[in-house]
Amino acid sequence: MKVKEMNIEQRPREKALRFGLESLTNLELIALILQSGNKKRDVFDIAKDVLELSEDLNKMFELSAQSLMKIQGISKVKALQLLAGIELSKRSLRTNAYHKSIRGPQDGLLWFQMEYGTLKQEHFVCLYLDVKGKIITHCTLFKGTLNESSVHPRDIFKKAFEVNAYSVMVLHNHPSGDPSPSKTDERLTKNLFEISEIMGIVFLDHVIVGKNSYYSFRQEKHLH
């Protein structure tokens, strides 16, 4: 059924205003963002294709403008509307992580999984924290296949001293989706932990993030 053929109270916009956005189905939410269809296709038909492309939202954060524009009825503008909503979600989670105390991987995990968990390339990221566990700053130190020569402890701890960090947490993603640590991950973690004790900076954790799971060296009691 086309939007104009629906009862007014059943239309996504009116339904959202009356009952809240949480009352909308995934299909209706996408249709609301798209706003309209075109002469050939109704907005619900286009929204259905977006839902299928994202595998019922499972791969929503992996969508690109190019992949969306392959759907008949999605222009560059509509693709950007969808991607802008996704980017706002990422930034909201990042801001939330910056305003809370990071005591363990779960405190910033949702942000990291959303921003890095679906990437096709490994990203090695450092979080620099103050004495209260608040994030001072974060930076990506390395992109690519992780090996022992690619991540230099001096770069990690040099930045820690520059921002006067009390503790450091490092995270990286496994594009395979499996967060199980490799031998390289284990050796790197041991090395960073030992250097942190010499430097007098708390090494909070090394977290490996997969698509829907993670591995924490501290939680697995490998930091000692």
N, C-alpha and C. Protein backbone atom coordinates (compact mmCIF):
# COMPACT_ATOMS: atom_id res chain seq x y z
N MET A 1 0.84 -1.19 0.00
CA MET A 1 0.00 0.00 0.00
C MET A 1 0.88 1.25 0.00
N LYS A 2 0.54 2.18 -0.87
CA LYS A 2 1.28 3.43 -0.94
C LYS A 2 0.92 4.32 0.24
N VAL A 3 1.84 5.21 0.61
CA VAL A 3 1.64 6.08 1.76
C VAL A 3 0.37 6.90 1.61
N LYS A 4 0.13 7.44 0.42
CA LYS A 4 -1.04 8.30 0.22
C LYS A 4 -2.35 7.52 0.29
N GLU A 5 -2.28 6.20 0.18
CA GLU A 5 -3.48 5.36 0.26
C GLU A 5 -3.76 4.91 1.70
N MET A 6 -2.82 5.16 2.62
CA MET A 6 -2.99 4.75 4.02
C MET A 6 -3.81 5.76 4.78
N ASN A 7 -4.47 5.28 5.84
CA ASN A 7 -5.11 6.22 6.75
C ASN A 7 -4.05 7.12 7.35
N ILE A 8 -4.39 8.37 7.59
CA ILE A 8 -3.41 9.35 8.06
C ILE A 8 -2.69 8.87 9.31
N GLU A 9 -3.42 8.28 10.27
CA GLU A 9 -2.81 7.86 11.53
C GLU A 9 -1.89 6.66 11.37
N GLN A 10 -1.95 5.97 10.20
CA GLN A 10 -1.09 4.82 9.95
C GLN A 10 0.19 5.19 9.21
N ARG A 11 0.27 6.40 8.71
CA ARG A 11 1.44 6.84 7.98
C ARG A 11 2.61 7.01 8.95
N PRO A 12 3.84 6.64 8.53
CA PRO A 12 4.99 6.68 9.45
C PRO A 12 5.16 8.00 10.19
N ARG A 13 5.05 9.12 9.49
CA ARG A 13 5.28 10.41 10.13
C ARG A 13 4.24 10.68 11.20
N GLU A 14 2.98 10.48 10.86
CA GLU A 14 1.90 10.73 11.82
C GLU A 14 1.95 9.73 12.97
N LYS A 15 2.26 8.48 12.66
CA LYS A 15 2.37 7.44 13.69
C LYS A 15 3.50 7.77 14.67
N ALA A 16 4.63 8.25 14.15
CA ALA A 16 5.75 8.61 15.00
C ALA A 16 5.41 9.79 15.90
N LEU A 17 4.73 10.78 15.35
CA LEU A 17 4.35 11.96 16.14
C LEU A 17 3.36 11.60 17.24
N ARG A 18 2.50 10.65 16.95
CA ARG A 18 1.46 10.29 17.92
C ARG A 18 1.96 9.30 18.97
N PHE A 19 2.73 8.31 18.54
CA PHE A 19 3.11 7.22 19.45
C PHE A 19 4.62 7.15 19.74
N GLY A 20 5.41 7.98 19.06
CA GLY A 20 6.86 7.94 19.25
C GLY A 20 7.54 7.10 18.19
N LEU A 21 8.81 7.41 17.94
CA LEU A 21 9.57 6.68 16.91
C LEU A 21 9.71 5.19 17.22
N GLU A 22 9.70 4.87 18.53
CA GLU A 22 9.86 3.46 18.91
C GLU A 22 8.67 2.60 18.47
N SER A 23 7.55 3.25 18.10
CA SER A 23 6.37 2.50 17.66
C SER A 23 6.49 2.05 16.20
N LEU A 24 7.47 2.60 15.46
CA LEU A 24 7.61 2.27 14.05
C LEU A 24 8.39 0.97 13.86
N THR A 25 8.04 0.25 12.82
CA THR A 25 8.81 -0.93 12.44
C THR A 25 10.10 -0.47 11.76
N ASN A 26 11.03 -1.40 11.56
CA ASN A 26 12.26 -1.05 10.85
C ASN A 26 11.96 -0.50 9.46
N LEU A 27 11.00 -1.13 8.79
CA LEU A 27 10.61 -0.69 7.45
C LEU A 27 10.07 0.74 7.49
N GLU A 28 9.24 1.02 8.47
CA GLU A 28 8.65 2.36 8.58
C GLU A 28 9.70 3.41 8.92
N LEU A 29 10.67 3.06 9.75
CA LEU A 29 11.74 4.00 10.10
C LEU A 29 12.56 4.38 8.86
N ILE A 30 12.90 3.38 8.07
CA ILE A 30 13.65 3.66 6.85
C ILE A 30 12.83 4.51 5.89
N ALA A 31 11.55 4.19 5.77
CA ALA A 31 10.66 4.97 4.90
C ALA A 31 10.56 6.41 5.38
N LEU A 32 10.55 6.61 6.70
CA LEU A 32 10.47 7.96 7.26
C LEU A 32 11.72 8.76 6.91
N ILE A 33 12.89 8.12 6.98
CA ILE A 33 14.14 8.80 6.65
C ILE A 33 14.18 9.14 5.15
N LEU A 34 13.72 8.20 4.31
CA LEU A 34 13.73 8.42 2.87
C LEU A 34 12.72 9.49 2.45
N GLN A 35 11.65 9.62 3.23
CA GLN A 35 10.62 10.64 3.05
C GLN A 35 9.65 10.37 1.90
N SER A 36 10.15 9.97 0.75
CA SER A 36 9.25 9.77 -0.40
C SER A 36 9.86 8.80 -1.39
N GLY A 37 9.02 8.30 -2.27
CA GLY A 37 9.49 7.46 -3.36
C GLY A 37 9.63 8.30 -4.63
N ASN A 38 9.44 7.66 -5.76
CA ASN A 38 9.44 8.40 -7.02
C ASN A 38 8.26 7.94 -7.87
N LYS A 39 8.25 8.34 -9.10
CA LYS A 39 7.11 8.01 -9.97
C LYS A 39 6.99 6.51 -10.22
N LYS A 40 8.12 5.81 -10.16
CA LYS A 40 8.12 4.38 -10.46
C LYS A 40 7.95 3.50 -9.22
N ARG A 41 8.43 3.99 -8.07
CA ARG A 41 8.45 3.13 -6.88
C ARG A 41 7.98 3.88 -5.65
N ASP A 42 7.15 3.20 -4.85
CA ASP A 42 6.70 3.76 -3.59
C ASP A 42 7.82 3.70 -2.56
N VAL A 43 7.78 4.61 -1.59
CA VAL A 43 8.83 4.68 -0.58
C VAL A 43 8.98 3.37 0.20
N PHE A 44 7.88 2.62 0.39
CA PHE A 44 7.96 1.36 1.13
C PHE A 44 8.68 0.28 0.33
N ASP A 45 8.52 0.32 -1.00
CA ASP A 45 9.25 -0.63 -1.85
C ASP A 45 10.75 -0.37 -1.77
N ILE A 46 11.12 0.91 -1.80
CA ILE A 46 12.53 1.28 -1.70
C ILE A 46 13.08 0.92 -0.33
N ALA A 47 12.30 1.21 0.72
CA ALA A 47 12.72 0.90 2.09
C ALA A 47 12.91 -0.61 2.28
N LYS A 48 12.06 -1.39 1.63
CA LYS A 48 12.18 -2.86 1.73
C LYS A 48 13.50 -3.32 1.14
N ASP A 49 13.91 -2.71 0.03
CA ASP A 49 15.19 -3.08 -0.59
C ASP A 49 16.37 -2.70 0.31
N VAL A 50 16.25 -1.56 0.99
CA VAL A 50 17.31 -1.14 1.92
C VAL A 50 17.40 -2.14 3.07
N LEU A 51 16.26 -2.58 3.56
CA LEU A 51 16.22 -3.54 4.67
C LEU A 51 16.86 -4.86 4.24
N GLU A 52 16.58 -5.27 3.00
CA GLU A 52 17.16 -6.51 2.49
C GLU A 52 18.67 -6.37 2.28
N LEU A 53 19.09 -5.21 1.75
CA LEU A 53 20.52 -4.97 1.53
C LEU A 53 21.29 -4.99 2.84
N SER A 54 20.67 -4.48 3.89
CA SER A 54 21.33 -4.43 5.21
C SER A 54 21.13 -5.72 6.01
N GLU A 55 20.46 -6.70 5.39
CA GLU A 55 20.17 -7.97 6.07
C GLU A 55 19.45 -7.72 7.39
N ASP A 56 18.30 -7.04 7.28
CA ASP A 56 17.46 -6.70 8.45
C ASP A 56 18.26 -5.92 9.49
N LEU A 57 19.01 -4.93 9.04
CA LEU A 57 19.81 -3.99 9.85
C LEU A 57 21.12 -4.59 10.33
N ASN A 58 21.33 -5.89 10.12
CA ASN A 58 22.55 -6.54 10.62
C ASN A 58 23.81 -5.92 10.02
N LYS A 59 23.71 -5.45 8.76
CA LYS A 59 24.88 -4.85 8.09
C LYS A 59 24.65 -3.39 7.76
N MET A 60 23.80 -2.73 8.55
CA MET A 60 23.46 -1.33 8.28
C MET A 60 24.69 -0.44 8.31
N PHE A 61 25.62 -0.72 9.21
CA PHE A 61 26.79 0.13 9.36
C PHE A 61 27.87 -0.17 8.33
N GLU A 62 27.61 -1.13 7.46
CA GLU A 62 28.55 -1.44 6.39
C GLU A 62 28.12 -0.85 5.05
N LEU A 63 26.94 -0.22 5.03
CA LEU A 63 26.42 0.32 3.78
C LEU A 63 27.24 1.53 3.33
N SER A 64 27.31 1.70 2.04
CA SER A 64 27.98 2.87 1.45
C SER A 64 27.02 3.56 0.51
N ALA A 65 27.37 4.77 0.13
CA ALA A 65 26.53 5.51 -0.82
C ALA A 65 26.42 4.73 -2.13
N GLN A 66 27.53 4.12 -2.54
CA GLN A 66 27.54 3.38 -3.80
C GLN A 66 26.60 2.18 -3.77
N SER A 67 26.62 1.44 -2.66
CA SER A 67 25.75 0.26 -2.57
C SER A 67 24.28 0.66 -2.48
N LEU A 68 24.00 1.74 -1.76
CA LEU A 68 22.61 2.21 -1.64
C LEU A 68 22.07 2.71 -2.96
N MET A 69 22.91 3.40 -3.72
CA MET A 69 22.46 3.99 -4.98
C MET A 69 22.20 2.96 -6.08
N LYS A 70 22.58 1.70 -5.82
CA LYS A 70 22.25 0.62 -6.75
C LYS A 70 20.78 0.24 -6.65
N ILE A 71 20.13 0.67 -5.56
CA ILE A 71 18.70 0.40 -5.37
C ILE A 71 17.91 1.40 -6.21
N GLN A 72 17.00 0.90 -7.02
CA GLN A 72 16.19 1.77 -7.85
C GLN A 72 15.33 2.69 -6.98
N GLY A 73 15.49 3.98 -7.16
CA GLY A 73 14.71 4.93 -6.36
C GLY A 73 15.54 5.66 -5.32
N ILE A 74 16.80 5.21 -5.12
CA ILE A 74 17.67 5.91 -4.16
C ILE A 74 18.68 6.77 -4.91
N SER A 75 18.52 8.05 -4.75
CA SER A 75 19.43 9.01 -5.36
C SER A 75 20.60 9.26 -4.43
N LYS A 76 21.53 10.08 -4.87
CA LYS A 76 22.66 10.45 -4.03
C LYS A 76 22.18 11.12 -2.74
N VAL A 77 21.14 11.96 -2.87
CA VAL A 77 20.61 12.68 -1.71
C VAL A 77 20.00 11.71 -0.70
N LYS A 78 19.21 10.75 -1.17
CA LYS A 78 18.58 9.80 -0.25
C LYS A 78 19.61 8.88 0.40
N ALA A 79 20.63 8.51 -0.36
CA ALA A 79 21.70 7.69 0.22
C ALA A 79 22.39 8.45 1.34
N LEU A 80 22.65 9.73 1.12
CA LEU A 80 23.30 10.55 2.15
C LEU A 80 22.39 10.75 3.36
N GLN A 81 21.08 10.82 3.15
CA GLN A 81 20.15 10.94 4.29
C GLN A 81 20.28 9.72 5.21
N LEU A 82 20.33 8.54 4.62
CA LEU A 82 20.48 7.32 5.42
C LEU A 82 21.83 7.27 6.11
N LEU A 83 22.88 7.59 5.38
CA LEU A 83 24.22 7.52 5.94
C LEU A 83 24.44 8.58 7.02
N ALA A 84 23.76 9.72 6.88
CA ALA A 84 23.87 10.76 7.90
C ALA A 84 23.27 10.28 9.22
N GLY A 85 22.17 9.53 9.16
CA GLY A 85 21.58 8.97 10.37
C GLY A 85 22.51 7.97 11.04
N ILE A 86 23.20 7.17 10.24
CA ILE A 86 24.16 6.20 10.76
C ILE A 86 25.33 6.91 11.41
N GLU A 87 25.84 7.96 10.77
CA GLU A 87 26.98 8.71 11.30
C GLU A 87 26.63 9.40 12.61
N LEU A 88 25.41 9.92 12.71
CA LEU A 88 24.96 10.54 13.97
C LEU A 88 24.93 9.53 15.10
N SER A 89 24.51 8.30 14.80
CA SER A 89 24.49 7.24 15.81
C SER A 89 25.90 6.96 16.32
N LYS A 90 26.86 6.88 15.41
CA LYS A 90 28.25 6.65 15.80
C LYS A 90 28.77 7.78 16.68
N ARG A 91 28.49 9.01 16.28
CA ARG A 91 29.01 10.16 17.03
C ARG A 91 28.35 10.26 18.41
N SER A 92 27.09 9.88 18.48
CA SER A 92 26.40 9.90 19.77
C SER A 92 27.04 8.92 20.74
N LEU A 93 27.35 7.71 20.26
CA LEU A 93 27.97 6.70 21.11
C LEU A 93 29.39 7.12 21.51
N ARG A 94 30.11 7.75 20.57
CA ARG A 94 31.47 8.22 20.88
C ARG A 94 31.42 9.30 21.96
N THR A 95 30.49 10.23 21.83
CA THR A 95 30.34 11.30 22.82
C THR A 95 29.96 10.73 24.17
N ASN A 96 29.08 9.73 24.17
CA ASN A 96 28.68 9.08 25.41
C ASN A 96 29.86 8.41 26.09
N ALA A 97 30.72 7.77 25.29
CA ALA A 97 31.91 7.11 25.85
C ALA A 97 32.86 8.12 26.46
N TYR A 98 32.96 9.29 25.86
CA TYR A 98 33.85 10.33 26.37
C TYR A 98 33.35 10.92 27.69
N HIS A 99 32.06 10.78 27.96
CA HIS A 99 31.49 11.39 29.17
C HIS A 99 31.34 10.41 30.32
N LYS A 100 31.75 9.16 30.12
CA LYS A 100 31.65 8.20 31.22
C LYS A 100 33.05 7.75 31.63
N SER A 101 33.14 7.16 32.79
CA SER A 101 34.41 6.61 33.25
C SER A 101 34.61 5.23 32.62
N ILE A 102 35.74 5.04 31.99
CA ILE A 102 36.05 3.78 31.33
C ILE A 102 36.81 2.90 32.33
N ARG A 103 36.13 1.91 32.85
CA ARG A 103 36.76 0.99 33.80
C ARG A 103 37.06 -0.37 33.19
N GLY A 104 36.37 -0.68 32.10
CA GLY A 104 36.55 -1.96 31.44
C GLY A 104 36.07 -1.87 30.01
N PRO A 105 36.26 -2.92 29.22
CA PRO A 105 35.91 -2.88 27.79
C PRO A 105 34.45 -2.59 27.52
N GLN A 106 33.57 -3.03 28.41
CA GLN A 106 32.15 -2.84 28.18
C GLN A 106 31.73 -1.38 28.20
N ASP A 107 32.52 -0.51 28.82
CA ASP A 107 32.15 0.89 28.94
C ASP A 107 32.22 1.66 27.62
N GLY A 108 33.08 1.22 26.71
CA GLY A 108 33.17 1.90 25.43
C GLY A 108 32.98 0.96 24.25
N LEU A 109 32.54 -0.26 24.58
CA LEU A 109 32.49 -1.32 23.57
C LEU A 109 31.51 -1.02 22.44
N LEU A 110 30.31 -0.53 22.78
CA LEU A 110 29.29 -0.31 21.76
C LEU A 110 29.76 0.69 20.73
N TRP A 111 30.40 1.77 21.21
CA TRP A 111 30.95 2.77 20.29
C TRP A 111 32.01 2.14 19.39
N PHE A 112 32.93 1.39 20.00
CA PHE A 112 34.04 0.84 19.22
C PHE A 112 33.53 -0.18 18.20
N GLN A 113 32.58 -1.02 18.59
CA GLN A 113 32.04 -2.01 17.67
C GLN A 113 31.35 -1.33 16.50
N MET A 114 30.61 -0.24 16.79
CA MET A 114 29.89 0.44 15.73
C MET A 114 30.85 1.16 14.78
N GLU A 115 31.89 1.76 15.33
CA GLU A 115 32.79 2.56 14.51
C GLU A 115 33.86 1.72 13.82
N TYR A 116 34.32 0.67 14.48
CA TYR A 116 35.44 -0.10 13.93
C TYR A 116 35.13 -1.57 13.66
N GLY A 117 34.10 -2.09 14.31
CA GLY A 117 33.85 -3.53 14.27
C GLY A 117 33.50 -4.10 12.92
N THR A 118 32.97 -3.26 12.02
CA THR A 118 32.57 -3.76 10.70
C THR A 118 33.56 -3.40 9.60
N LEU A 119 34.68 -2.77 9.96
CA LEU A 119 35.66 -2.36 8.95
C LEU A 119 36.39 -3.56 8.36
N LYS A 120 36.79 -3.45 7.11
CA LYS A 120 37.44 -4.55 6.40
C LYS A 120 38.95 -4.58 6.63
N GLN A 121 39.44 -3.57 7.34
CA GLN A 121 40.88 -3.47 7.62
C GLN A 121 41.08 -3.31 9.12
N GLU A 122 42.16 -3.89 9.64
CA GLU A 122 42.43 -3.76 11.07
C GLU A 122 42.80 -2.33 11.42
N HIS A 123 42.25 -1.85 12.54
CA HIS A 123 42.58 -0.53 13.08
C HIS A 123 43.04 -0.72 14.52
N PHE A 124 44.19 -0.17 14.84
CA PHE A 124 44.72 -0.24 16.20
C PHE A 124 44.54 1.12 16.84
N VAL A 125 43.73 1.17 17.89
CA VAL A 125 43.30 2.44 18.49
C VAL A 125 43.72 2.50 19.95
N CYS A 126 44.18 3.67 20.38
CA CYS A 126 44.55 3.89 21.78
C CYS A 126 43.60 4.89 22.43
N LEU A 127 43.14 4.54 23.63
CA LEU A 127 42.37 5.46 24.45
C LEU A 127 43.28 5.94 25.59
N TYR A 128 43.36 7.24 25.77
CA TYR A 128 44.17 7.82 26.84
C TYR A 128 43.23 8.40 27.89
N LEU A 129 43.39 7.93 29.13
CA LEU A 129 42.43 8.22 30.19
C LEU A 129 43.07 9.00 31.33
N ASP A 130 42.24 9.81 32.01
CA ASP A 130 42.75 10.52 33.19
C ASP A 130 42.56 9.66 34.43
N VAL A 131 42.87 10.20 35.60
CA VAL A 131 42.84 9.42 36.83
C VAL A 131 41.43 8.96 37.19
N LYS A 132 40.40 9.65 36.67
CA LYS A 132 39.01 9.26 36.92
C LYS A 132 38.46 8.30 35.86
N GLY A 133 39.30 7.93 34.92
CA GLY A 133 38.86 7.00 33.89
C GLY A 133 38.17 7.67 32.72
N LYS A 134 38.18 9.01 32.67
CA LYS A 134 37.55 9.72 31.55
C LYS A 134 38.54 9.77 30.38
N ILE A 135 38.00 9.65 29.17
CA ILE A 135 38.85 9.70 27.99
C ILE A 135 39.36 11.12 27.76
N ILE A 136 40.68 11.26 27.70
CA ILE A 136 41.29 12.54 27.35
C ILE A 136 41.27 12.71 25.84
N THR A 137 41.69 11.65 25.15
CA THR A 137 41.67 11.64 23.69
C THR A 137 41.82 10.20 23.22
N HIS A 138 41.58 9.98 21.95
CA HIS A 138 41.84 8.67 21.37
C HIS A 138 42.45 8.89 19.99
N CYS A 139 43.21 7.92 19.52
CA CYS A 139 43.80 8.07 18.18
C CYS A 139 44.04 6.69 17.57
N THR A 140 43.96 6.65 16.27
CA THR A 140 44.27 5.43 15.53
C THR A 140 45.75 5.45 15.19
N LEU A 141 46.50 4.49 15.73
CA LEU A 141 47.94 4.46 15.53
C LEU A 141 48.36 3.64 14.33
N PHE A 142 47.48 2.73 13.91
CA PHE A 142 47.90 1.85 12.82
C PHE A 142 46.67 1.30 12.10
N LYS A 143 46.80 1.16 10.78
CA LYS A 143 45.77 0.51 9.96
C LYS A 143 46.45 -0.54 9.10
N GLY A 144 45.87 -1.71 9.07
CA GLY A 144 46.45 -2.78 8.26
C GLY A 144 46.63 -4.04 9.06
N THR A 145 47.23 -5.05 8.47
CA THR A 145 47.45 -6.31 9.16
C THR A 145 48.44 -6.11 10.30
N LEU A 146 48.01 -6.50 11.49
CA LEU A 146 48.82 -6.25 12.69
C LEU A 146 49.98 -7.24 12.77
N ASN A 147 51.17 -6.70 12.99
CA ASN A 147 52.32 -7.55 13.30
C ASN A 147 53.17 -6.82 14.34
N GLU A 148 54.18 -7.50 14.82
CA GLU A 148 54.94 -6.96 15.95
C GLU A 148 55.75 -5.71 15.61
N SER A 149 56.01 -5.49 14.33
CA SER A 149 56.79 -4.31 13.94
C SER A 149 55.91 -3.12 13.57
N SER A 150 54.61 -3.35 13.46
CA SER A 150 53.73 -2.27 12.99
C SER A 150 53.29 -1.33 14.11
N VAL A 151 53.18 -1.84 15.33
CA VAL A 151 52.76 -1.02 16.45
C VAL A 151 53.96 -0.81 17.37
N HIS A 152 54.39 0.42 17.50
CA HIS A 152 55.57 0.73 18.31
C HIS A 152 55.16 1.23 19.70
N PRO A 153 55.57 0.54 20.76
CA PRO A 153 55.24 1.00 22.12
C PRO A 153 55.64 2.44 22.37
N ARG A 154 56.74 2.87 21.76
CA ARG A 154 57.19 4.26 22.00
C ARG A 154 56.14 5.27 21.54
N ASP A 155 55.44 4.94 20.43
CA ASP A 155 54.41 5.86 19.94
C ASP A 155 53.23 5.92 20.90
N ILE A 156 52.88 4.76 21.46
CA ILE A 156 51.76 4.69 22.40
C ILE A 156 52.07 5.49 23.67
N PHE A 157 53.25 5.28 24.23
CA PHE A 157 53.55 5.93 25.51
C PHE A 157 54.03 7.37 25.35
N LYS A 158 54.57 7.70 24.20
CA LYS A 158 54.92 9.09 23.93
C LYS A 158 53.66 9.96 23.97
N LYS A 159 52.60 9.48 23.32
CA LYS A 159 51.34 10.21 23.33
C LYS A 159 50.76 10.27 24.73
N ALA A 160 50.92 9.20 25.50
CA ALA A 160 50.40 9.18 26.88
C ALA A 160 51.04 10.28 27.72
N PHE A 161 52.34 10.47 27.56
CA PHE A 161 53.03 11.54 28.31
C PHE A 161 52.62 12.92 27.80
N GLU A 162 52.40 13.03 26.51
CA GLU A 162 52.02 14.32 25.92
C GLU A 162 50.68 14.82 26.47
N VAL A 163 49.74 13.90 26.68
CA VAL A 163 48.40 14.30 27.15
C VAL A 163 48.24 14.09 28.65
N ASN A 164 49.35 13.72 29.31
CA ASN A 164 49.34 13.51 30.76
C ASN A 164 48.33 12.45 31.18
N ALA A 165 48.33 11.34 30.47
CA ALA A 165 47.39 10.25 30.75
C ALA A 165 47.80 9.45 31.98
N TYR A 166 46.80 9.03 32.73
CA TYR A 166 47.03 8.17 33.89
C TYR A 166 47.06 6.70 33.45
N SER A 167 46.21 6.37 32.48
CA SER A 167 46.14 4.99 32.01
C SER A 167 45.87 4.95 30.51
N VAL A 168 46.13 3.77 29.95
CA VAL A 168 45.96 3.56 28.51
C VAL A 168 45.18 2.27 28.28
N MET A 169 44.25 2.32 27.33
CA MET A 169 43.59 1.11 26.86
C MET A 169 43.79 1.04 25.36
N VAL A 170 44.21 -0.11 24.85
CA VAL A 170 44.35 -0.26 23.40
C VAL A 170 43.30 -1.25 22.91
N LEU A 171 42.83 -0.98 21.70
CA LEU A 171 41.81 -1.82 21.10
C LEU A 171 42.14 -2.00 19.63
N HIS A 172 41.81 -3.15 19.08
CA HIS A 172 41.86 -3.29 17.63
C HIS A 172 40.79 -4.28 17.19
N ASN A 173 40.41 -4.16 15.96
CA ASN A 173 39.35 -5.00 15.42
C ASN A 173 39.92 -6.15 14.59
N HIS A 174 39.17 -7.23 14.53
CA HIS A 174 39.48 -8.35 13.66
C HIS A 174 38.42 -8.38 12.57
N PRO A 175 38.75 -8.02 11.34
CA PRO A 175 37.75 -8.00 10.26
C PRO A 175 37.08 -9.35 10.02
N SER A 176 37.71 -10.42 10.42
CA SER A 176 37.10 -11.76 10.27
C SER A 176 35.87 -11.91 11.14
N GLY A 177 35.76 -11.07 12.17
CA GLY A 177 34.64 -11.17 13.11
C GLY A 177 34.96 -12.00 14.33
N ASP A 178 36.04 -12.78 14.26
CA ASP A 178 36.47 -13.62 15.38
C ASP A 178 37.49 -12.85 16.22
N PRO A 179 37.18 -12.54 17.49
CA PRO A 179 38.10 -11.74 18.31
C PRO A 179 39.19 -12.54 19.00
N SER A 180 39.29 -13.82 18.73
CA SER A 180 40.31 -14.64 19.39
C SER A 180 41.70 -14.07 19.11
N PRO A 181 42.54 -13.94 20.15
CA PRO A 181 43.87 -13.34 19.96
C PRO A 181 44.83 -14.27 19.23
N SER A 182 45.68 -13.66 18.42
CA SER A 182 46.74 -14.41 17.76
C SER A 182 47.96 -14.42 18.67
N LYS A 183 48.98 -15.17 18.30
CA LYS A 183 50.23 -15.17 19.06
C LYS A 183 50.85 -13.77 19.04
N THR A 184 50.71 -13.08 17.91
CA THR A 184 51.22 -11.71 17.82
C THR A 184 50.50 -10.80 18.81
N ASP A 185 49.18 -10.94 18.90
CA ASP A 185 48.40 -10.14 19.85
C ASP A 185 48.87 -10.39 21.28
N GLU A 186 49.13 -11.65 21.58
CA GLU A 186 49.55 -12.02 22.94
C GLU A 186 50.92 -11.43 23.28
N ARG A 187 51.85 -11.54 22.33
CA ARG A 187 53.19 -11.02 22.58
C ARG A 187 53.18 -9.49 22.69
N LEU A 188 52.42 -8.85 21.83
CA LEU A 188 52.33 -7.39 21.86
C LEU A 188 51.74 -6.92 23.19
N THR A 189 50.72 -7.60 23.66
CA THR A 189 50.08 -7.23 24.92
C THR A 189 51.03 -7.38 26.09
N LYS A 190 51.75 -8.49 26.12
CA LYS A 190 52.73 -8.72 27.19
C LYS A 190 53.80 -7.63 27.18
N ASN A 191 54.26 -7.28 25.99
CA ASN A 191 55.28 -6.25 25.84
C ASN A 191 54.77 -4.89 26.33
N LEU A 192 53.57 -4.52 25.94
CA LEU A 192 52.99 -3.24 26.35
C LEU A 192 52.77 -3.18 27.85
N PHE A 193 52.33 -4.29 28.42
CA PHE A 193 52.10 -4.33 29.87
C PHE A 193 53.41 -4.14 30.63
N GLU A 194 54.44 -4.81 30.20
CA GLU A 194 55.74 -4.71 30.88
C GLU A 194 56.32 -3.30 30.76
N ILE A 195 56.19 -2.69 29.59
CA ILE A 195 56.71 -1.34 29.38
C ILE A 195 55.91 -0.33 30.21
N SER A 196 54.61 -0.54 30.31
CA SER A 196 53.77 0.39 31.08
C SER A 196 54.17 0.43 32.54
N GLU A 197 54.57 -0.72 33.08
CA GLU A 197 55.01 -0.75 34.48
C GLU A 197 56.30 0.05 34.66
N ILE A 198 57.19 -0.02 33.69
CA ILE A 198 58.43 0.75 33.75
C ILE A 198 58.13 2.24 33.63
N MET A 199 57.18 2.58 32.75
CA MET A 199 56.84 3.98 32.50
C MET A 199 55.97 4.59 33.59
N GLY A 200 55.39 3.76 34.44
CA GLY A 200 54.52 4.27 35.50
C GLY A 200 53.15 4.70 35.00
N ILE A 201 52.70 4.08 33.92
CA ILE A 201 51.37 4.34 33.35
C ILE A 201 50.56 3.06 33.43
N VAL A 202 49.35 3.15 33.91
CA VAL A 202 48.50 1.97 34.05
C VAL A 202 48.08 1.46 32.67
N PHE A 203 48.37 0.19 32.40
CA PHE A 203 47.91 -0.43 31.15
C PHE A 203 46.59 -1.12 31.46
N LEU A 204 45.50 -0.45 31.11
CA LEU A 204 44.17 -0.90 31.53
C LEU A 204 43.75 -2.19 30.86
N ASP A 205 43.96 -2.28 29.54
CA ASP A 205 43.50 -3.48 28.84
C ASP A 205 43.90 -3.41 27.37
N HIS A 206 43.90 -4.56 26.75
CA HIS A 206 43.96 -4.68 25.29
C HIS A 206 42.71 -5.46 24.90
N VAL A 207 41.87 -4.83 24.11
CA VAL A 207 40.59 -5.43 23.73
C VAL A 207 40.58 -5.66 22.23
N ILE A 208 40.20 -6.87 21.84
CA ILE A 208 40.05 -7.21 20.43
C ILE A 208 38.55 -7.33 20.14
N VAL A 209 38.11 -6.62 19.14
CA VAL A 209 36.68 -6.56 18.84
C VAL A 209 36.36 -7.27 17.53
N GLY A 210 35.39 -8.16 17.60
CA GLY A 210 34.84 -8.77 16.40
C GLY A 210 33.52 -8.09 16.10
N LYS A 211 32.75 -8.68 15.23
CA LYS A 211 31.49 -8.03 14.85
C LYS A 211 30.49 -8.02 15.99
N ASN A 212 30.34 -9.16 16.66
CA ASN A 212 29.33 -9.25 17.73
C ASN A 212 29.92 -9.75 19.04
N SER A 213 31.23 -9.75 19.15
CA SER A 213 31.86 -10.25 20.38
C SER A 213 33.21 -9.56 20.55
N TYR A 214 33.82 -9.79 21.71
CA TYR A 214 35.12 -9.18 21.96
C TYR A 214 35.96 -10.07 22.87
N TYR A 215 37.25 -9.77 22.92
CA TYR A 215 38.17 -10.48 23.81
C TYR A 215 38.93 -9.45 24.62
N SER A 216 38.90 -9.58 25.93
CA SER A 216 39.61 -8.68 26.83
C SER A 216 40.74 -9.45 27.52
N PHE A 217 41.97 -8.97 27.33
CA PHE A 217 43.11 -9.63 27.98
C PHE A 217 43.02 -9.52 29.50
N ARG A 218 42.48 -8.41 30.00
CA ARG A 218 42.35 -8.27 31.46
C ARG A 218 41.28 -9.21 32.00
N GLN A 219 40.14 -9.25 31.34
CA GLN A 219 39.07 -10.14 31.81
C GLN A 219 39.48 -11.60 31.74
N GLU A 220 40.33 -11.91 30.78
CA GLU A 220 40.82 -13.30 30.66
C GLU A 220 42.05 -13.55 31.54
N LYS A 221 42.38 -12.53 32.35
CA LYS A 221 43.45 -12.64 33.35
C LYS A 221 44.83 -12.91 32.71
N HIS A 222 45.09 -12.20 31.60
CA HIS A 222 46.39 -12.34 30.95
C HIS A 222 47.29 -11.13 31.21
N LEU A 223 46.84 -10.22 32.08
CA LEU A 223 47.67 -9.06 32.43
C LEU A 223 48.20 -9.23 33.84
N HIS A 224 49.43 -9.67 33.96
CA HIS A 224 50.04 -9.86 35.29
C HIS A 224 51.54 -9.93 35.15
